[in-house]
Amino acid sequence: MTEQPVEQRPMMISDPQVMRALAHPARLGIMEHLVSTGAAVTATECAEIVGLSPSAVSYHLRELAKFGLVEHAPSRGDARERLWRSSVGSWGVEAGQDASPEAWDAEATLIEVYAARDLQRVRDWVRRSRNEPKEWYDAAAIRGPVLLLTAAELTALNEAVQELMKPYRRRDRSDPPEGARPVMIHYAALPSE
């Protein structure tokens, strides 16, 4: 059996240890970059992305590697250079309804760290939006409609939204049009009552 390419291997995380390992803003930033770009980077290159020292990023990369989330990548020619890449094409978290209290707590902590990071991105956008080009200011959206759905309709809506976004995924877009920028989509579809 041949190994499935990295970009096609999703990982659903239910292990509380893995969730706790991910529940750190720098590690989420590292994973986001590696998963969204498919890139292989050094700790120094990654340090520029997450705003930490290369030694701190090396530590975080080793911790992520312990849980199979990142791996060493082939060298770019300089054997002294250590490259890292994501070992998964995507990941999600699901403790499951019959999970242990430890798993529920780990999932809640990871989701809270993730949501806080995304909320900070929204705040950053609001602060800098008046200095953005008009086309980007007009294109950005923050919306919060309340829908009335069954569980089956919510599942179908979530699947449709994922399908709609698929052609724009950063790692899959080999030739994006001029002017394309990374855009953060924060998507949550949850019962409110």
C-alpha atoms as a PDB file:
ATOM      1  CA  MET A   1       0.000   0.000   0.000  1.00  0.00           C
ATOM      2  CA  THR A   2       1.434   3.393  -0.945  1.00  0.00           C
ATOM      3  CA  GLU A   3       1.382   6.242   1.540  1.00  0.00           C
ATOM      4  CA  GLN A   4      -1.277   8.866   0.916  1.00  0.00           C
ATOM      5  CA  PRO A   5       0.191  12.283   0.001  1.00  0.00           C
ATOM      6  CA  VAL A   6       0.462  14.715   2.904  1.00  0.00           C
ATOM      7  CA  GLU A   7      -2.050  17.149   1.437  1.00  0.00           C
ATOM      8  CA  GLN A   8      -4.748  14.470   1.431  1.00  0.00           C
ATOM      9  CA  ARG A   9      -4.242  13.069   4.956  1.00  0.00           C
ATOM     10  CA  PRO A  10      -6.571  14.717   7.469  1.00  0.00           C
ATOM     11  CA  MET A  11      -6.090  14.116  11.196  1.00  0.00           C
ATOM     12  CA  MET A  12      -8.981  14.132  13.647  1.00  0.00           C
ATOM     13  CA  ILE A  13      -7.554  14.633  17.129  1.00  0.00           C
ATOM     14  CA  SER A  14      -9.247  13.050  20.124  1.00  0.00           C
ATOM     15  CA  ASP A  15      -6.197  12.383  22.327  1.00  0.00           C
ATOM     16  CA  PRO A  16      -6.075  14.890  25.231  1.00  0.00           C
ATOM     17  CA  GLN A  17      -2.250  14.927  25.183  1.00  0.00           C
ATOM     18  CA  VAL A  18      -2.212  16.022  21.545  1.00  0.00           C
ATOM     19  CA  MET A  19      -4.880  18.656  22.222  1.00  0.00           C
ATOM     20  CA  ARG A  20      -2.839  20.035  25.125  1.00  0.00           C
ATOM     21  CA  ALA A  21       0.283  20.083  22.938  1.00  0.00           C
ATOM     22  CA  LEU A  22      -1.570  22.185  20.361  1.00  0.00           C
ATOM     23  CA  ALA A  23      -3.138  24.555  22.917  1.00  0.00           C
ATOM     24  CA  HIS A  24      -0.397  27.161  22.556  1.00  0.00           C
ATOM     25  CA  PRO A  25      -0.639  30.198  20.252  1.00  0.00           C
ATOM     26  CA  ALA A  26       2.824  29.635  18.746  1.00  0.00           C
ATOM     27  CA  ARG A  27       2.108  25.997  17.988  1.00  0.00           C
ATOM     28  CA  LEU A  28      -1.207  26.906  16.395  1.00  0.00           C
ATOM     29  CA  GLY A  29       0.617  29.522  14.304  1.00  0.00           C
ATOM     30  CA  ILE A  30       3.257  27.005  13.249  1.00  0.00           C
ATOM     31  CA  MET A  31       0.634  24.429  12.304  1.00  0.00           C
ATOM     32  CA  GLU A  32      -1.457  26.990  10.452  1.00  0.00           C
ATOM     33  CA  HIS A  33       1.517  28.051   8.355  1.00  0.00           C
ATOM     34  CA  LEU A  34       2.734  24.536   7.597  1.00  0.00           C
ATOM     35  CA  VAL A  35      -0.718  23.112   6.854  1.00  0.00           C
ATOM     36  CA  SER A  36      -1.980  26.092   4.846  1.00  0.00           C
ATOM     37  CA  THR A  37       1.140  26.434   2.688  1.00  0.00           C
ATOM     38  CA  GLY A  38       2.424  22.871   2.490  1.00  0.00           C
ATOM     39  CA  ALA A  39       5.860  24.475   2.917  1.00  0.00           C
ATOM     40  CA  ALA A  40       8.984  23.010   4.444  1.00  0.00           C
ATOM     41  CA  VAL A  41      10.689  25.597   6.646  1.00  0.00           C
ATOM     42  CA  THR A  42      13.582  25.945   9.053  1.00  0.00           C
ATOM     43  CA  ALA A  43      13.017  26.931  12.667  1.00  0.00           C
ATOM     44  CA  THR A  44      14.523  30.333  11.796  1.00  0.00           C
ATOM     45  CA  GLU A  45      12.036  30.894   8.949  1.00  0.00           C
ATOM     46  CA  CYS A  46       9.177  29.770  11.157  1.00  0.00           C
ATOM     47  CA  ALA A  47      10.376  32.051  13.968  1.00  0.00           C
ATOM     48  CA  GLU A  48       9.765  35.071  11.713  1.00  0.00           C
ATOM     49  CA  ILE A  49       6.205  33.898  11.119  1.00  0.00           C
ATOM     50  CA  VAL A  50       5.248  33.332  14.764  1.00  0.00           C
ATOM     51  CA  GLY A  51       7.405  36.063  16.312  1.00  0.00           C
ATOM     52  CA  LEU A  52       9.593  33.910  18.543  1.00  0.00           C
ATOM     53  CA  SER A  53      13.289  33.065  18.660  1.00  0.00           C
ATOM     54  CA  PRO A  54      14.531  30.165  16.502  1.00  0.00           C
ATOM     55  CA  SER A  55      15.421  28.183  19.637  1.00  0.00           C
ATOM     56  CA  ALA A  56      11.881  28.600  21.035  1.00  0.00           C
ATOM     57  CA  VAL A  57      10.404  27.542  17.700  1.00  0.00           C
ATOM     58  CA  SER A  58      12.738  24.518  17.584  1.00  0.00           C
ATOM     59  CA  TYR A  59      11.340  23.449  20.941  1.00  0.00           C
ATOM     60  CA  HIS A  60       7.736  23.860  19.729  1.00  0.00           C
ATOM     61  CA  LEU A  61       8.500  21.946  16.513  1.00  0.00           C
ATOM     62  CA  ARG A  62       9.992  19.052  18.499  1.00  0.00           C
ATOM     63  CA  GLU A  63       6.906  18.983  20.734  1.00  0.00           C
ATOM     64  CA  LEU A  64       4.599  18.914  17.687  1.00  0.00           C
ATOM     65  CA  ALA A  65       6.752  16.135  16.173  1.00  0.00           C
ATOM     66  CA  LYS A  66       6.298  13.997  19.312  1.00  0.00           C
ATOM     67  CA  PHE A  67       2.609  13.799  18.456  1.00  0.00           C
ATOM     68  CA  GLY A  68       3.013  13.222  14.719  1.00  0.00           C
ATOM     69  CA  LEU A  69       1.859  16.686  13.663  1.00  0.00           C
ATOM     70  CA  VAL A  70       5.137  17.757  12.019  1.00  0.00           C
ATOM     71  CA  GLU A  71       8.103  15.873  10.629  1.00  0.00           C
ATOM     72  CA  HIS A  72      11.507  16.496   9.151  1.00  0.00           C
ATOM     73  CA  ALA A  73      11.406  17.357   5.452  1.00  0.00           C
ATOM     74  CA  PRO A  74      14.017  16.547   2.811  1.00  0.00           C
ATOM     75  CA  SER A  75      16.891  19.022   2.692  1.00  0.00           C
ATOM     76  CA  ARG A  76      17.023  21.781   0.083  1.00  0.00           C
ATOM     77  CA  GLY A  77      20.648  20.849  -0.598  1.00  0.00           C
ATOM     78  CA  ASP A  78      22.419  22.071   2.529  1.00  0.00           C
ATOM     79  CA  ALA A  79      22.660  19.038   4.803  1.00  0.00           C
ATOM     80  CA  ARG A  80      23.175  21.316   7.809  1.00  0.00           C
ATOM     81  CA  GLU A  81      19.770  22.908   7.301  1.00  0.00           C
ATOM     82  CA  ARG A  82      16.965  21.131   9.180  1.00  0.00           C
ATOM     83  CA  LEU A  83      13.595  21.527   7.479  1.00  0.00           C
ATOM     84  CA  TRP A  84      10.197  20.833   8.998  1.00  0.00           C
ATOM     85  CA  ARG A  85       6.822  20.263   7.359  1.00  0.00           C
ATOM     86  CA  SER A  86       3.343  19.314   8.452  1.00  0.00           C
ATOM     87  CA  SER A  87       2.767  15.572   8.477  1.00  0.00           C
ATOM     88  CA  VAL A  88      -0.983  16.105   8.041  1.00  0.00           C
ATOM     89  CA  GLY A  89      -2.966  17.858   5.333  1.00  0.00           C
ATOM     90  CA  SER A  90      -5.530  19.174   7.780  1.00  0.00           C
ATOM     91  CA  TRP A  91      -6.573  18.610  11.356  1.00  0.00           C
ATOM     92  CA  GLY A  92      -9.585  18.992  13.564  1.00  0.00           C
ATOM     93  CA  VAL A  93     -10.516  18.221  17.155  1.00  0.00           C
ATOM     94  CA  GLU A  94     -13.261  15.969  18.407  1.00  0.00           C
ATOM     95  CA  ALA A  95     -13.221  14.495  21.888  1.00  0.00           C
ATOM     96  CA  GLY A  96     -16.559  12.791  21.275  1.00  0.00           C
ATOM     97  CA  GLN A  97     -19.607  12.798  23.505  1.00  0.00           C
ATOM     98  CA  ASP A  98     -18.438   9.744  25.445  1.00  0.00           C
ATOM     99  CA  ALA A  99     -14.950  11.164  26.050  1.00  0.00           C
ATOM    100  CA  SER A 100     -13.293  11.342  29.436  1.00  0.00           C
ATOM    101  CA  PRO A 101     -13.431  14.554  31.471  1.00  0.00           C
ATOM    102  CA  GLU A 102      -9.699  14.954  30.698  1.00  0.00           C
ATOM    103  CA  ALA A 103     -10.416  14.876  26.948  1.00  0.00           C
ATOM    104  CA  TRP A 104     -13.321  17.339  27.314  1.00  0.00           C
ATOM    105  CA  ASP A 105     -11.114  19.745  29.293  1.00  0.00           C
ATOM    106  CA  ALA A 106      -8.276  19.459  26.777  1.00  0.00           C
ATOM    107  CA  GLU A 107     -10.671  20.062  23.862  1.00  0.00           C
ATOM    108  CA  ALA A 108     -12.211  23.094  25.603  1.00  0.00           C
ATOM    109  CA  THR A 109      -8.771  24.570  26.322  1.00  0.00           C
ATOM    110  CA  LEU A 110      -7.588  24.103  22.737  1.00  0.00           C
ATOM    111  CA  ILE A 111     -10.774  25.620  21.310  1.00  0.00           C
ATOM    112  CA  GLU A 112     -10.510  28.583  23.693  1.00  0.00           C
ATOM    113  CA  VAL A 113      -6.889  29.269  22.650  1.00  0.00           C
ATOM    114  CA  TYR A 114      -7.850  28.902  18.981  1.00  0.00           C
ATOM    115  CA  ALA A 115     -10.881  31.195  19.323  1.00  0.00           C
ATOM    116  CA  ALA A 116      -8.890  33.812  21.277  1.00  0.00           C
ATOM    117  CA  ARG A 117      -6.299  33.864  18.495  1.00  0.00           C
ATOM    118  CA  ASP A 118      -8.979  34.363  15.851  1.00  0.00           C
ATOM    119  CA  LEU A 119     -10.698  37.065  17.921  1.00  0.00           C
ATOM    120  CA  GLN A 120      -7.365  38.884  18.163  1.00  0.00           C
ATOM    121  CA  ARG A 121      -7.106  38.755  14.371  1.00  0.00           C
ATOM    122  CA  VAL A 122     -10.540  40.366  14.100  1.00  0.00           C
ATOM    123  CA  ARG A 123      -9.447  43.103  16.551  1.00  0.00           C
ATOM    124  CA  ASP A 124      -6.230  43.636  14.577  1.00  0.00           C
ATOM    125  CA  TRP A 125      -8.248  43.987  11.370  1.00  0.00           C
ATOM    126  CA  VAL A 126     -10.618  46.541  12.938  1.00  0.00           C
ATOM    127  CA  ARG A 127      -7.648  48.622  14.156  1.00  0.00           C
ATOM    128  CA  ARG A 128      -5.875  48.654  10.809  1.00  0.00           C
ATOM    129  CA  SER A 129      -8.866  48.521   8.440  1.00  0.00           C
ATOM    130  CA  ARG A 130      -9.057  52.257   7.827  1.00  0.00           C
ATOM    131  CA  ASN A 131      -5.528  52.090   6.397  1.00  0.00           C
ATOM    132  CA  GLU A 132      -6.354  49.236   4.049  1.00  0.00           C
ATOM    133  CA  PRO A 133      -7.130  49.814   0.363  1.00  0.00           C
ATOM    134  CA  LYS A 134     -10.833  50.495  -0.226  1.00  0.00           C
ATOM    135  CA  GLU A 135     -11.280  47.271  -2.199  1.00  0.00           C
ATOM    136  CA  TRP A 136     -10.084  45.210   0.790  1.00  0.00           C
ATOM    137  CA  TYR A 137     -12.087  47.259   3.291  1.00  0.00           C
ATOM    138  CA  ASP A 138     -15.235  46.745   1.214  1.00  0.00           C
ATOM    139  CA  ALA A 139     -14.515  43.032   0.627  1.00  0.00           C
ATOM    140  CA  ALA A 140     -14.006  42.151   4.308  1.00  0.00           C
ATOM    141  CA  ALA A 141     -17.021  40.953   6.264  1.00  0.00           C
ATOM    142  CA  ILE A 142     -17.968  40.299   9.852  1.00  0.00           C
ATOM    143  CA  ARG A 143     -21.421  38.806  10.049  1.00  0.00           C
ATOM    144  CA  GLY A 144     -23.392  36.847  12.582  1.00  0.00           C
ATOM    145  CA  PRO A 145     -26.706  35.684  11.180  1.00  0.00           C
ATOM    146  CA  VAL A 146     -28.873  33.404  13.283  1.00  0.00           C
ATOM    147  CA  LEU A 147     -30.301  30.574  11.193  1.00  0.00           C
ATOM    148  CA  LEU A 148     -33.055  28.114  12.036  1.00  0.00           C
ATOM    149  CA  LEU A 149     -31.781  24.644  11.052  1.00  0.00           C
ATOM    150  CA  THR A 150     -32.116  20.955  11.805  1.00  0.00           C
ATOM    151  CA  ALA A 151     -28.966  18.962  12.605  1.00  0.00           C
ATOM    152  CA  ALA A 152     -29.086  17.480   9.076  1.00  0.00           C
ATOM    153  CA  GLU A 153     -29.387  20.964   7.533  1.00  0.00           C
ATOM    154  CA  LEU A 154     -26.480  22.225   9.633  1.00  0.00           C
ATOM    155  CA  THR A 155     -24.363  19.280   8.477  1.00  0.00           C
ATOM    156  CA  ALA A 156     -25.269  20.013   4.843  1.00  0.00           C
ATOM    157  CA  LEU A 157     -24.534  23.728   5.297  1.00  0.00           C
ATOM    158  CA  ASN A 158     -21.124  22.976   6.824  1.00  0.00           C
ATOM    159  CA  GLU A 159     -20.277  20.630   3.950  1.00  0.00           C
ATOM    160  CA  ALA A 160     -21.391  23.219   1.375  1.00  0.00           C
ATOM    161  CA  VAL A 161     -19.291  25.964   2.984  1.00  0.00           C
ATOM    162  CA  GLN A 162     -16.235  23.674   3.011  1.00  0.00           C
ATOM    163  CA  GLU A 163     -16.790  22.840  -0.687  1.00  0.00           C
ATOM    164  CA  LEU A 164     -17.159  26.536  -1.512  1.00  0.00           C
ATOM    165  CA  MET A 165     -13.822  27.372   0.171  1.00  0.00           C
ATOM    166  CA  LYS A 166     -11.894  24.388  -1.221  1.00  0.00           C
ATOM    167  CA  PRO A 167     -10.681  25.981  -4.508  1.00  0.00           C
ATOM    168  CA  TYR A 168      -9.232  28.940  -2.598  1.00  0.00           C
ATOM    169  CA  ARG A 169      -7.175  26.958  -0.064  1.00  0.00           C
ATOM    170  CA  ARG A 170      -3.735  28.511   0.080  1.00  0.00           C
ATOM    171  CA  ARG A 171      -1.784  25.271  -0.271  1.00  0.00           C
ATOM    172  CA  ASP A 172      -3.807  24.120  -3.291  1.00  0.00           C
ATOM    173  CA  ARG A 173      -3.652  27.383  -5.226  1.00  0.00           C
ATOM    174  CA  SER A 174      -0.528  27.077  -7.352  1.00  0.00           C
ATOM    175  CA  ASP A 175      -1.121  30.190  -9.435  1.00  0.00           C
ATOM    176  CA  PRO A 176      -3.201  32.733  -7.465  1.00  0.00           C
ATOM    177  CA  PRO A 177      -4.218  35.917  -9.270  1.00  0.00           C
ATOM    178  CA  GLU A 178      -2.202  39.073  -8.755  1.00  0.00           C
ATOM    179  CA  GLY A 179      -3.220  40.874  -5.588  1.00  0.00           C
ATOM    180  CA  ALA A 180      -4.298  37.718  -3.731  1.00  0.00           C
ATOM    181  CA  ARG A 181      -3.597  37.831   0.025  1.00  0.00           C
ATOM    182  CA  PRO A 182      -4.014  35.312   2.812  1.00  0.00           C
ATOM    183  CA  VAL A 183      -7.497  35.769   4.258  1.00  0.00           C
ATOM    184  CA  MET A 184      -8.530  34.395   7.630  1.00  0.00           C
ATOM    185  CA  ILE A 185     -11.916  32.757   7.622  1.00  0.00           C
ATOM    186  CA  HIS A 186     -13.293  32.164  11.098  1.00  0.00           C
ATOM    187  CA  TYR A 187     -16.196  29.828  10.681  1.00  0.00           C
ATOM    188  CA  ALA A 188     -18.269  28.523  13.543  1.00  0.00           C
ATOM    189  CA  ALA A 189     -21.739  27.075  13.152  1.00  0.00           C
ATOM    190  CA  LEU A 190     -23.112  26.130  16.566  1.00  0.00           C
ATOM    191  CA  PRO A 191     -26.522  25.844  18.173  1.00  0.00           C
ATOM    192  CA  SER A 192     -27.067  29.000  20.222  1.00  0.00           C
ATOM    193  CA  GLU A 193     -29.855  27.654  22.439  1.00  0.00           C
END
